[in-house]
Protein backbone atom coordinates (compact mmCIF):
# COMPACT_ATOMS: atom_id res chain seq x y z
CA ASN A 1 -19.34 -16.09 -5.10
CA LYS A 2 -18.94 -13.18 -2.90
CA THR A 3 -20.72 -14.89 0.42
CA TYR A 4 -18.07 -17.70 0.18
CA ILE A 5 -15.18 -15.08 -0.15
CA TYR A 6 -16.18 -13.20 3.02
CA GLN A 7 -16.95 -16.25 4.79
CA CYS A 8 -13.41 -17.54 4.15
CA MET A 9 -11.99 -14.38 4.73
CA LYS A 10 -13.90 -13.99 8.45
CA GLN A 11 -12.51 -17.23 9.09
CA TYR A 12 -8.80 -16.74 8.23
CA THR A 13 -8.15 -13.07 8.76
CA PRO A 14 -9.26 -10.52 11.16
CA ASP A 15 -9.12 -7.83 7.95
CA ASN A 16 -12.42 -6.85 5.97
CA PHE A 17 -11.93 -7.38 2.23
CA ASN A 18 -10.76 -3.92 1.47
CA THR A 19 -8.10 -3.82 4.12
CA PHE A 20 -6.90 -7.28 2.93
CA ILE A 21 -6.43 -6.02 -0.55
CA ASN A 22 -5.13 -2.67 0.49
CA LYS A 23 -2.29 -4.34 2.42
CA TYR A 24 -1.24 -5.99 -0.68
CA ARG A 25 -1.52 -2.71 -2.63
CA VAL A 26 0.43 -0.96 0.06
CA GLU A 27 3.23 -3.85 -0.21
CA LYS A 28 3.48 -3.20 -3.95
CA ALA A 29 3.76 0.69 -3.64
CA LYS A 30 6.57 -0.18 -1.06
CA LYS A 31 8.46 -2.11 -3.72
CA LEU A 32 7.75 0.59 -6.45
CA ILE A 33 9.00 3.31 -4.05
CA LEU A 34 12.18 1.26 -3.75
CA GLU A 35 12.55 0.30 -7.45
CA LYS A 36 11.35 3.59 -9.21
CA THR A 37 12.83 6.07 -7.51
CA ASP A 38 12.09 8.55 -10.35
CA TYR A 39 8.41 8.07 -9.96
CA ASP A 40 6.29 10.34 -8.18
CA ILE A 41 4.23 9.32 -5.11
CA LYS A 42 0.80 9.80 -7.01
CA SER A 43 2.24 7.60 -9.89
CA ILE A 44 3.23 4.81 -7.30
CA GLY A 45 -0.24 5.00 -6.01
CA GLU A 46 -2.15 4.49 -9.23
CA LEU A 47 0.55 1.66 -10.42
CA SER A 48 -0.31 0.17 -7.23
CA GLY A 49 -4.20 -0.27 -7.80
CA PHE A 50 -5.46 2.53 -5.98
CA ASN A 51 -8.16 4.84 -7.60
CA SER A 52 -7.68 7.63 -5.58
CA SER A 53 -4.75 9.53 -3.80
CA THR A 54 -6.75 10.14 -0.66
CA THR A 55 -7.23 6.36 -0.05
CA PHE A 56 -3.83 5.51 -1.09
CA PHE A 57 -2.14 7.75 1.39
CA ARG A 58 -4.67 7.01 4.01
CA SER A 59 -4.04 3.21 3.65
CA PHE A 60 0.06 3.90 3.52
CA LYS A 61 -0.23 5.60 6.57
CA ASP A 62 -2.64 3.17 8.44
CA ILE A 63 -0.64 -0.09 7.31
CA THR A 64 2.81 1.24 7.75
CA GLY A 65 2.84 4.18 10.24
CA LEU A 66 4.21 6.47 7.57
CA ASN A 67 2.99 8.45 4.61
CA PRO A 68 4.43 7.47 1.39
CA SER A 69 6.81 10.59 0.97
CA THR A 70 8.51 9.74 4.44
CA PHE A 71 8.77 6.14 3.54
CA LYS A 72 10.58 7.31 0.21
CA SER A 73 12.78 9.57 1.99
CA LEU A 74 13.94 7.22 4.94
CA SER A 75 14.51 4.51 1.88
CA ASN A 76 16.55 6.74 -0.02
CA LYS A 77 18.75 7.93 3.03
CA LYS A 78 19.16 4.05 3.85
CA LEU A 79 20.21 3.30 0.46
CA ASN A 80 22.70 6.10 0.22
CA SER A 81 24.34 5.52 3.67
């Protein structure tokens, strides 16, 4: 049940539920950015499970320190070097 999940999370992670889930979504987005270079950023956010572009951009920036477009640009430069 919901209460049990929250208690377990509180015991094992400093993150709240939304932050915990968004970290997984951002990891999925990073993989998609690297694999699906022809997809636009908004599509990547949707495929990663974000319902809102605003939440996707904010979460990505908070977790990685970069916005998704910058991450994509830097990744492309590394791959082409």
